[in-house]
Protein backbone atom coordinates (compact mmCIF):
# COMPACT_ATOMS: atom_id res chain seq x y z
CA MET A 1 -6.15 -32.79 -8.37
CA THR A 2 -4.94 -29.20 -8.17
CA ASP A 3 -3.12 -29.52 -11.51
CA ARG A 4 -6.24 -30.89 -13.24
CA LEU A 5 -8.37 -28.09 -11.79
CA ALA A 6 -5.81 -25.51 -12.91
CA ARG A 7 -5.83 -26.90 -16.48
CA ALA A 8 -9.64 -26.94 -16.51
CA LEU A 9 -9.66 -23.26 -15.51
CA ASN A 10 -6.95 -22.35 -18.03
CA MET A 11 -4.41 -21.60 -15.28
CA GLN A 12 -0.89 -22.70 -14.53
CA PRO A 13 -0.60 -24.89 -11.41
CA GLY A 14 1.40 -22.27 -9.51
CA GLU A 15 -1.34 -19.70 -10.10
CA MET A 16 -4.05 -21.68 -8.29
CA PRO A 17 -3.02 -20.83 -4.68
CA LEU A 18 -3.00 -17.11 -5.51
CA ALA A 19 -6.32 -17.38 -7.35
CA MET A 20 -7.97 -19.19 -4.44
CA LEU A 21 -6.79 -16.56 -1.95
CA ALA A 22 -8.16 -13.87 -4.26
CA VAL A 23 -11.47 -15.78 -4.38
CA VAL A 24 -11.66 -15.85 -0.57
CA PHE A 25 -10.84 -12.13 -0.39
CA HIS A 26 -13.51 -11.30 -2.99
CA PHE A 27 -16.07 -13.58 -1.30
CA CYS A 28 -15.63 -11.77 2.02
CA VAL A 29 -15.81 -8.28 0.53
CA LEU A 30 -19.02 -8.88 -1.41
CA CYS A 31 -20.66 -11.07 1.22
CA GLY A 32 -20.10 -8.30 3.76
CA TYR A 33 -21.44 -5.68 1.38
CA PHE A 34 -24.59 -7.64 0.48
CA PHE A 35 -25.57 -7.83 4.14
CA LEU A 36 -25.53 -4.02 4.03
CA ARG A 37 -26.92 -3.16 0.60
CA PRO A 38 -30.59 -4.14 1.24
CA VAL A 39 -30.49 -2.22 4.53
CA ARG A 40 -29.19 0.85 2.69
CA ASP A 41 -31.83 0.60 -0.04
CA ALA A 42 -34.66 0.11 2.46
CA MET A 43 -33.49 3.20 4.37
CA GLY A 44 -33.16 5.22 1.16
CA VAL A 45 -36.73 4.69 -0.05
CA SER A 46 -38.33 5.10 3.39
CA GLY A 47 -38.87 8.83 2.83
CA GLY A 48 -40.16 8.48 -0.72
CA MET A 49 -38.64 8.88 -4.19
CA ASP A 50 -38.04 12.64 -3.89
CA ASP A 51 -35.78 12.12 -0.87
CA LEU A 52 -34.02 9.29 -2.70
CA ARG A 53 -33.13 11.60 -5.60
CA TRP A 54 -31.60 14.13 -3.18
CA LEU A 55 -29.61 11.37 -1.50
CA PHE A 56 -28.09 10.50 -4.88
CA ILE A 57 -26.96 14.10 -5.36
CA VAL A 58 -25.46 14.37 -1.85
CA THR A 59 -23.64 11.09 -2.41
CA SER A 60 -21.81 12.47 -5.45
CA PHE A 61 -20.30 15.34 -3.42
CA VAL A 62 -19.36 13.05 -0.55
CA SER A 63 -17.68 10.75 -3.06
CA LEU A 64 -15.47 13.58 -4.30
CA GLY A 65 -14.25 14.28 -0.76
CA LEU A 66 -13.57 10.59 -0.16
CA VAL A 67 -11.64 10.30 -3.43
CA LEU A 68 -9.33 13.17 -2.46
CA ALA A 69 -8.85 11.85 1.08
CA PHE A 70 -8.13 8.33 -0.16
CA SER A 71 -5.62 9.60 -2.73
CA GLY A 72 -3.81 11.41 0.08
CA VAL A 73 -3.61 8.17 2.11
CA VAL A 74 -2.33 6.24 -0.93
CA ALA A 75 0.38 8.84 -1.54
CA ARG A 76 1.77 8.41 1.99
CA THR A 77 1.49 4.66 2.57
CA ASN A 78 2.19 1.41 0.74
CA ARG A 79 -0.18 -1.24 -0.52
CA ALA A 80 0.15 -3.53 2.52
CA ARG A 81 -1.01 -0.67 4.75
CA PHE A 82 -3.56 1.41 2.90
CA ILE A 83 -5.75 -1.51 1.76
CA PRO A 84 -6.25 -2.86 5.32
CA LEU A 85 -6.69 0.72 6.54
CA ALA A 86 -9.47 1.26 4.01
CA TYR A 87 -11.39 -1.81 5.17
CA LEU A 88 -10.74 -1.06 8.85
CA PHE A 89 -12.30 2.34 8.29
CA VAL A 90 -15.38 0.60 6.88
CA ILE A 91 -15.59 -1.69 9.93
CA ALA A 92 -15.23 1.23 12.36
CA CYS A 93 -18.05 3.14 10.65
CA LEU A 94 -20.32 0.09 10.69
CA VAL A 95 -19.76 -0.37 14.43
CA ALA A 96 -20.62 3.31 14.96
CA PHE A 97 -23.82 3.13 12.87
CA ALA A 98 -24.94 -0.07 14.60
CA GLY A 99 -24.18 1.40 18.03
CA LEU A 100 -26.30 4.50 17.34
CA LEU A 101 -29.24 2.40 16.13
CA VAL A 102 -29.06 0.09 19.15
CA TRP A 103 -28.87 3.08 21.52
CA ASP A 104 -31.91 4.65 19.83
CA ALA A 105 -33.84 1.36 19.96
CA LEU A 106 -33.09 0.86 23.66
CA ALA A 107 -34.39 4.38 24.28
CA GLY A 108 -37.70 3.41 22.68
CA GLY A 109 -37.08 4.68 19.15
CA GLY A 110 -38.23 2.98 15.96
CA LEU A 111 -36.74 2.39 12.53
CA ILE A 112 -36.74 4.93 9.72
CA GLY A 113 -40.06 4.86 7.88
CA SER A 114 -41.96 3.37 10.82
CA ASP A 115 -44.57 5.07 13.01
CA ALA A 116 -42.01 5.17 15.86
CA GLU A 117 -39.31 6.78 13.73
CA THR A 118 -37.10 9.25 15.58
CA ALA A 119 -34.93 12.09 14.31
CA LEU A 120 -31.87 9.98 15.18
CA SER A 121 -33.04 6.91 13.26
CA ARG A 122 -33.83 9.04 10.20
CA GLY A 123 -30.49 10.83 10.45
CA VAL A 124 -28.58 7.56 10.82
CA GLY A 125 -30.59 5.99 7.98
CA TYR A 126 -29.92 8.76 5.47
CA THR A 127 -26.29 9.14 6.55
CA PHE A 128 -25.80 5.38 6.21
CA TYR A 129 -27.33 5.50 2.73
CA VAL A 130 -24.94 8.20 1.54
CA TRP A 131 -21.94 6.66 3.30
CA LEU A 132 -22.42 3.14 1.92
CA SER A 133 -23.28 4.41 -1.57
CA ALA A 134 -19.91 6.16 -1.67
CA ILE A 135 -17.81 3.66 0.26
CA ASN A 136 -19.00 0.51 -1.51
CA LEU A 137 -17.37 1.67 -4.73
CA PHE A 138 -14.09 2.08 -2.84
CA THR A 139 -14.28 -1.45 -1.44
CA THR A 140 -14.64 -2.99 -4.90
CA SER A 141 -12.31 -0.51 -6.61
CA VAL A 142 -9.51 -1.18 -4.12
CA PHE A 143 -10.02 -4.93 -4.49
CA TRP A 144 -9.71 -4.87 -8.28
CA ALA A 145 -6.82 -2.39 -8.18
CA PHE A 146 -5.03 -4.93 -5.99
CA MET A 147 -5.89 -7.72 -8.45
CA VAL A 148 -4.35 -5.88 -11.43
CA ASP A 149 -1.31 -5.27 -9.23
CA VAL A 150 -0.98 -8.98 -8.48
CA PHE A 151 -1.76 -10.36 -11.96
CA ASP A 152 -0.62 -9.20 -15.40
CA VAL A 153 -2.83 -8.60 -18.46
CA ASP A 154 -2.79 -12.19 -19.73
CA GLN A 155 -3.48 -13.58 -16.26
CA GLY A 156 -6.33 -11.12 -15.83
CA LYS A 157 -8.03 -12.32 -19.01
CA ARG A 158 -7.72 -15.91 -17.84
CA MET A 159 -8.33 -15.54 -14.10
CA PHE A 160 -10.55 -12.53 -13.37
CA ALA A 161 -13.72 -14.37 -14.34
CA PHE A 162 -12.85 -17.16 -11.88
CA ILE A 163 -12.02 -14.63 -9.16
CA GLY A 164 -15.30 -12.89 -9.93
CA ILE A 165 -17.15 -16.14 -9.18
CA GLY A 166 -15.83 -15.95 -5.62
CA GLY A 167 -17.35 -12.51 -5.23
CA THR A 168 -20.64 -13.65 -6.76
CA LEU A 169 -20.84 -16.56 -4.31
CA GLY A 170 -20.24 -14.10 -1.48
CA ALA A 171 -22.91 -11.73 -2.78
CA LEU A 172 -25.34 -14.63 -3.25
CA ALA A 173 -24.67 -15.88 0.28
CA GLY A 174 -25.06 -12.40 1.77
CA GLY A 175 -28.21 -11.63 -0.21
CA ALA A 176 -29.84 -14.99 0.52
CA ALA A 177 -29.00 -14.79 4.23
CA THR A 178 -30.38 -11.26 4.43
CA THR A 179 -33.59 -12.33 2.68
CA ALA A 180 -34.05 -15.19 5.15
CA ILE A 181 -33.25 -13.11 8.25
CA SER A 182 -35.49 -10.21 7.19
CA SER A 183 -38.35 -12.57 6.45
CA LEU A 184 -38.12 -14.10 9.93
CA THR A 185 -38.03 -10.95 12.03
CA SER A 186 -39.21 -7.35 12.06
CA SER A 187 -37.10 -6.50 15.10
CA VAL A 188 -35.94 -2.93 15.56
CA PHE A 189 -32.43 -4.38 15.95
CA LEU A 190 -32.48 -5.95 12.45
CA PRO A 191 -30.37 -3.30 10.62
CA ALA A 192 -27.77 -3.14 13.42
CA GLY A 193 -27.40 -6.92 13.38
CA LEU A 194 -26.94 -7.00 9.60
CA MET A 195 -24.36 -4.22 9.85
CA MET A 196 -22.29 -6.23 12.34
CA LEU A 197 -22.46 -9.34 10.14
CA GLY A 198 -21.11 -7.25 7.28
CA ALA A 199 -18.31 -5.89 9.46
CA ALA A 200 -17.28 -9.44 10.44
CA PHE A 201 -16.84 -10.47 6.80
CA PHE A 202 -14.79 -7.35 6.05
CA ALA A 203 -12.49 -8.31 8.95
CA VAL A 204 -11.92 -11.77 7.46
CA GLY A 205 -11.30 -10.07 4.10
CA ILE A 206 -8.46 -8.02 5.61
CA ALA A 207 -6.77 -11.19 6.88
CA SER A 208 -7.07 -12.92 3.49
CA MET A 209 -5.70 -9.85 1.69
CA LEU A 210 -2.59 -9.77 3.89
CA VAL A 211 -1.95 -13.47 3.25
CA LEU A 212 -2.41 -12.98 -0.51
CA ASP A 213 -0.05 -10.00 -0.53
CA ARG A 214 2.66 -12.00 1.22
CA LYS A 215 2.23 -15.07 -1.00
CA ALA A 216 2.13 -13.04 -4.22
CA SER A 217 5.28 -11.10 -3.31
CA ALA A 218 7.14 -14.42 -3.00
CA SER A 219 5.58 -16.13 -6.04
CA GLY A 220 7.00 -16.31 -9.53
CA HIS A 221 3.43 -16.33 -10.84
CA SER A 222 2.71 -12.76 -9.70
CA ARG A 223 3.89 -9.46 -11.11
CA LEU A 224 4.58 -8.37 -7.50
CA ARG A 225 7.60 -10.71 -7.46
CA SER A 226 9.30 -8.56 -10.10
CA SER A 227 9.00 -5.44 -7.92
CA ALA A 228 12.12 -5.44 -5.75
CA PRO A 229 11.70 -3.77 -2.33
CA SER A 230 12.98 -0.22 -2.25
CA PRO A 231 15.57 0.85 0.34
CA ASP A 232 12.98 3.41 1.41
CA ALA A 233 10.36 0.75 2.03
CA THR A 234 8.63 0.89 5.34
CA ALA A 235 9.44 -1.83 7.79
CA GLY A 236 5.91 -3.16 7.97
CA GLY A 237 4.99 -3.04 4.30
CA GLY A 238 7.87 -4.46 2.28
CA GLU A 239 7.73 -1.68 -0.33
CA ALA A 240 7.97 2.10 -0.57
CA PRO A 241 4.95 4.40 -0.47
CA ILE A 242 3.46 5.14 -3.88
CA GLY A 243 4.17 8.83 -3.35
CA GLY A 244 2.81 11.93 -5.08
CA THR A 245 -0.10 14.07 -3.90
CA PHE A 246 -3.83 13.59 -3.46
CA TRP A 247 -4.47 15.57 -6.69
CA ASP A 248 -2.56 13.08 -8.85
CA GLY A 249 -5.61 10.91 -9.52
CA MET A 250 -7.67 13.86 -10.79
CA ARG A 251 -4.76 15.10 -12.89
CA ALA A 252 -4.15 11.66 -14.43
CA VAL A 253 -7.77 11.27 -15.51
CA ALA A 254 -7.97 14.83 -16.87
CA THR A 255 -4.84 14.44 -19.01
CA SER A 256 -5.22 10.88 -20.31
CA PRO A 257 -7.61 10.22 -23.22
CA TYR A 258 -7.51 6.54 -22.27
CA LEU A 259 -8.60 7.15 -18.67
CA LEU A 260 -11.15 9.72 -19.83
CA GLY A 261 -12.60 7.08 -22.13
CA ILE A 262 -12.93 4.65 -19.24
CA GLY A 263 -14.50 7.43 -17.17
CA LEU A 264 -17.08 8.19 -19.87
CA TRP A 265 -17.91 4.46 -20.07
CA ILE A 266 -18.50 4.47 -16.31
CA VAL A 267 -20.73 7.57 -16.51
CA LEU A 268 -22.92 6.00 -19.20
CA MET A 269 -23.17 2.79 -17.18
CA ALA A 270 -24.13 4.74 -14.06
CA ILE A 271 -26.90 6.61 -15.91
CA ALA A 272 -28.38 3.30 -17.05
CA ASN A 273 -28.02 1.77 -13.58
CA THR A 274 -29.75 4.74 -11.93
CA MET A 275 -32.74 4.58 -14.24
CA ILE A 276 -33.10 0.85 -13.58
CA TYR A 277 -32.63 1.36 -9.83
CA PHE A 278 -35.40 3.98 -9.60
CA THR A 279 -37.77 1.67 -11.44
CA GLN A 280 -36.94 -1.14 -9.02
CA ALA A 281 -37.21 1.15 -5.96
CA ASN A 282 -40.69 2.27 -7.02
CA ILE A 283 -41.82 -1.33 -7.29
CA VAL A 284 -40.46 -2.32 -3.86
CA LEU A 285 -41.87 0.82 -2.21
CA ASN A 286 -45.32 0.08 -3.60
CA GLU A 287 -45.22 -3.62 -2.68
CA ALA A 288 -43.79 -3.46 0.88
CA ASP A 289 -45.42 -2.04 4.02
CA SER A 290 -42.69 -2.44 6.68
CA PHE A 291 -38.94 -1.89 6.90
CA SER A 292 -38.18 -5.61 7.12
CA GLN A 293 -40.35 -6.25 4.04
CA ARG A 294 -38.44 -3.60 2.12
CA VAL A 295 -35.13 -5.14 3.20
CA ALA A 296 -36.39 -8.59 2.12
CA GLY A 297 -37.60 -7.19 -1.21
CA PHE A 298 -34.29 -5.58 -2.08
CA ALA A 299 -32.40 -8.64 -0.85
CA PHE A 300 -34.53 -10.86 -3.11
CA PHE A 301 -33.60 -8.76 -6.15
CA ASP A 302 -29.94 -9.00 -5.10
CA ALA A 303 -30.02 -12.77 -4.58
CA LEU A 304 -31.75 -13.40 -7.91
CA ALA A 305 -29.29 -11.17 -9.74
CA GLN A 306 -26.32 -12.89 -8.13
CA PHE A 307 -27.69 -16.36 -8.99
CA VAL A 308 -27.94 -15.40 -12.67
CA THR A 309 -24.48 -13.81 -12.39
CA LEU A 310 -23.06 -17.06 -11.02
CA LEU A 311 -24.51 -19.07 -13.91
CA THR A 312 -23.09 -16.55 -16.39
CA GLN A 313 -19.64 -16.59 -14.80
CA THR A 314 -19.54 -20.38 -14.62
CA PHE A 315 -20.65 -21.18 -18.15
CA VAL A 316 -19.99 -18.04 -20.22
CA THR A 317 -17.49 -15.49 -18.93
CA THR A 318 -14.40 -17.68 -18.61
CA HIS A 319 -13.99 -17.90 -22.40
CA LEU A 320 -15.89 -14.81 -23.52
CA ILE A 321 -13.16 -12.17 -23.06
CA ARG A 322 -10.54 -14.27 -24.81
CA ARG A 323 -12.82 -14.98 -27.78
CA LEU A 324 -14.53 -11.61 -28.24
CA GLY A 325 -11.80 -9.37 -26.87
CA VAL A 326 -12.18 -6.70 -24.20
CA GLY A 327 -13.95 -4.14 -26.40
CA TRP A 328 -16.74 -6.33 -27.74
CA THR A 329 -17.22 -7.90 -24.32
CA LEU A 330 -17.76 -4.43 -22.84
CA ALA A 331 -20.27 -3.67 -25.61
CA LEU A 332 -22.63 -6.42 -24.40
CA LEU A 333 -23.88 -4.34 -21.43
CA PRO A 334 -25.20 -1.44 -23.55
CA LEU A 335 -27.01 -3.92 -25.78
CA VAL A 336 -28.61 -5.69 -22.79
CA THR A 337 -29.68 -2.30 -21.38
CA MET A 338 -31.36 -1.28 -24.61
CA ALA A 339 -33.13 -4.64 -25.03
CA GLY A 340 -34.26 -4.73 -21.38
CA PHE A 341 -35.91 -1.32 -21.50
CA ALA A 342 -37.64 -2.29 -24.74
CA VAL A 343 -39.14 -5.42 -23.17
CA LEU A 344 -40.05 -3.62 -19.92
CA SER A 345 -41.88 -0.95 -21.94
CA VAL A 346 -44.23 -3.65 -23.23
CA TRP A 347 -44.63 -5.68 -20.00
CA THR A 348 -44.28 -3.39 -16.95
CA LEU A 349 -44.57 -6.19 -14.40
CA TYR A 350 -42.76 -7.09 -11.15
CA GLY A 351 -41.51 -10.36 -12.62
CA VAL A 352 -40.24 -8.71 -15.80
CA MET A 353 -38.42 -6.09 -13.73
CA ALA A 354 -36.83 -8.84 -11.61
CA VAL A 355 -35.61 -10.71 -14.70
CA PHE A 356 -34.35 -7.53 -16.40
CA GLN A 357 -32.51 -6.44 -13.25
CA ALA A 358 -31.00 -9.91 -12.86
CA LEU A 359 -29.81 -10.10 -16.48
CA HIS A 360 -28.48 -6.54 -16.45
CA ARG A 361 -26.52 -7.00 -13.23
CA ALA A 362 -25.29 -10.42 -14.36
CA THR A 363 -23.90 -8.83 -17.51
CA ARG A 364 -22.46 -5.95 -15.52
CA TYR A 365 -20.73 -8.06 -12.85
CA ALA A 366 -19.99 -11.31 -14.67
CA VAL A 367 -19.10 -10.02 -18.13
CA SER A 368 -18.36 -6.29 -18.15
CA ARG A 369 -16.61 -6.04 -14.78
CA PRO A 370 -13.74 -8.48 -15.49
CA ALA A 371 -13.28 -6.95 -18.95
CA ARG A 372 -13.34 -3.40 -17.56
CA GLU A 373 -10.81 -4.20 -14.85
CA THR A 374 -8.31 -5.49 -17.41
CA LEU A 375 -8.28 -1.97 -18.90
CA PHE A 376 -6.30 -0.85 -15.82
CA SER A 377 -3.69 -3.57 -16.28
CA VAL A 378 -1.78 -1.33 -18.71
CA VAL A 379 -1.55 1.81 -16.54
CA PRO A 380 1.12 2.66 -13.90
CA ALA A 381 0.62 1.57 -10.28
CA ALA A 382 -0.06 5.13 -9.10
CA ASP A 383 -2.98 5.41 -11.55
CA LYS A 384 -4.41 2.09 -10.39
CA TYR A 385 -4.76 3.32 -6.84
CA LYS A 386 -5.30 7.07 -7.40
CA ALA A 387 -6.97 7.57 -10.78
CA LYS A 388 -9.04 4.40 -10.49
CA PRO A 389 -11.07 5.65 -7.48
CA VAL A 390 -11.70 8.90 -9.35
CA VAL A 391 -13.16 6.87 -12.20
CA ASP A 392 -14.88 4.17 -10.15
CA VAL A 393 -16.25 6.41 -7.39
CA PHE A 394 -16.47 10.10 -8.29
CA LEU A 395 -17.34 9.71 -11.98
CA TYR A 396 -19.67 6.83 -11.19
CA ARG A 397 -21.55 8.96 -8.68
CA GLY A 398 -21.47 11.84 -11.16
CA GLY A 399 -23.19 9.47 -13.57
CA ASP A 400 -25.75 8.77 -10.84
CA VAL A 401 -26.53 12.48 -10.63
CA ALA A 402 -26.83 12.63 -14.40
CA GLY A 403 -29.15 9.62 -14.22
CA VAL A 404 -31.31 11.44 -11.66
CA GLY A 405 -31.48 14.39 -14.04
CA VAL A 406 -32.38 12.21 -17.01
CA ASP A 407 -35.04 10.38 -14.99
CA GLY A 408 -36.49 13.70 -13.75
CA LEU A 409 -36.47 15.14 -17.28
CA PHE A 410 -38.28 12.13 -18.69
CA ALA A 411 -40.86 12.38 -15.89
CA ALA A 412 -41.35 16.12 -16.48
CA LEU A 413 -41.83 15.53 -20.20
CA GLY A 414 -44.35 12.81 -19.46
CA PHE A 415 -42.33 10.06 -21.12
CA THR A 416 -43.89 6.62 -21.03
CA LEU A 417 -41.68 3.52 -20.82
CA PRO A 418 -41.80 2.96 -24.62
CA MET A 419 -40.58 6.54 -25.10
CA VAL A 420 -37.83 5.99 -22.50
CA ALA A 421 -36.78 2.84 -24.34
CA MET A 422 -36.53 4.78 -27.60
CA ALA A 423 -34.50 7.52 -25.89
CA THR A 424 -31.99 5.00 -24.51
CA ALA A 425 -31.23 3.55 -27.96
CA PRO A 426 -28.82 6.28 -29.18
CA ILE A 427 -27.16 6.45 -25.73
CA ALA A 428 -26.61 2.70 -25.81
CA GLY A 429 -25.20 3.00 -29.34
CA VAL A 430 -22.58 5.57 -28.26
CA TRP A 431 -21.81 3.44 -25.21
CA ALA A 432 -21.25 0.32 -27.35
CA LEU A 433 -19.01 2.21 -29.80
CA LEU A 434 -16.94 3.55 -26.89
CA SER A 435 -16.55 0.00 -25.60
CA VAL A 436 -14.98 -1.15 -28.85
CA ARG A 437 -12.69 1.89 -28.98
CA LEU A 438 -11.45 1.22 -25.45
CA GLY A 439 -10.59 -2.36 -26.41
CA LEU A 440 -8.51 -1.10 -29.33
CA ALA A 441 -6.82 1.51 -27.13
CA GLN A 442 -5.83 -1.17 -24.62
CA LYS A 443 -4.24 -3.24 -27.39
CA ARG A 444 -2.16 -0.24 -28.47
CA LEU A 445 -1.01 0.36 -24.91
CA ILE A 446 0.00 -3.28 -24.55
CA GLU A 447 2.14 -2.89 -27.68
CA THR A 448 3.63 0.52 -26.89
CA GLY A 449 3.63 0.54 -23.08
CA PRO A 450 2.01 3.11 -20.73
CA ASP A 451 4.13 5.91 -22.15
CA GLY A 452 2.95 5.26 -25.70
CA PRO A 453 0.22 7.26 -27.39
CA PRO A 454 -2.98 6.29 -25.56
CA ALA A 455 -6.15 6.95 -27.45
CA ALA A 456 -9.70 6.07 -26.69
């Protein structure tokens, strides 16, 4: 049975146990996050769109501090320690946020955006928005950095789509559960309860990661097996710290055309995502009257997007990267972005926005994400864990700020949606061309090795 399933998924039989553990890990990470995401979004729009734009800008600066701090932790610990530490930090913060909200509620306070809102609930709400917006990119970045450490380039092309399905199922479960819970209650304890559910799934994710790390280190089907333990390895981790300093990630990105190319791709993606997000936030804010309704609205968008993502991953993604190659697969997202804005400019409706958001996020998560993560399979381990957060977190949030600026500029110039759609066309064209160039650069690095001449 296992052998037949492995052949159907284009895997070797010995790869299946590792793939299934990775699926469980990914399921827990995204299920936990999607209990939190609608709460964050509902808190973010509670003060109006002007406050939301400022929260985006604050998030970018917080992300820079987190990137430097995380790089320092990576330099002094090994993989088996810093990954659990990262998720334990997330759990500790969630417990603190939930505790403050419960304390405020017991004292008679109300939720952010409600008539009974207190200074504490608003402060916790905005702080939670900034914190989760920065930290969620770490949770996914660390997961995929671990995946490209466990699996080589060929395995990534064959297996990352399947592993991505595990995350999509987790996101779909978290989004659907949050929609149902928020529709049933408007309790002041709703956000604290959802935060604790998210923390529980992150805890299970830590356990599955440790099991996967141990199994992969002993398996001939993982690149970890080829890494012999160093005499300087710590007793609890089985390998030596990665070493270096917390500035190494910044330095690596600044000096590598290949990593800079990936960073520019991320910035362009973030600009597009921000513009779509603001459009969605405006719709939810206008349609919902209470906090629980806003949570349910955002959760509905999430669940719909994850359902379309699951269909795409199941029937499309598994073979797409191998047939089109990494570069052309990455180019699909810019094309979907351009087409979506064009359609939305003609039919500015709630349903059209829901479908556009679902298709865009399905392409981003089911198609572009696995292809993008394979780009890091050809860089040294230190860059996976240090430079990757710089790209995935700091540059992503920098793209968010740029997206806020672009959105504000279009609004100041009085751009209508058809004009916005026209303005996105050349940006999408550059983005698609960059995608193809990155695919070619990865091929050259596979042939020459990380020390060869990288070019984006």
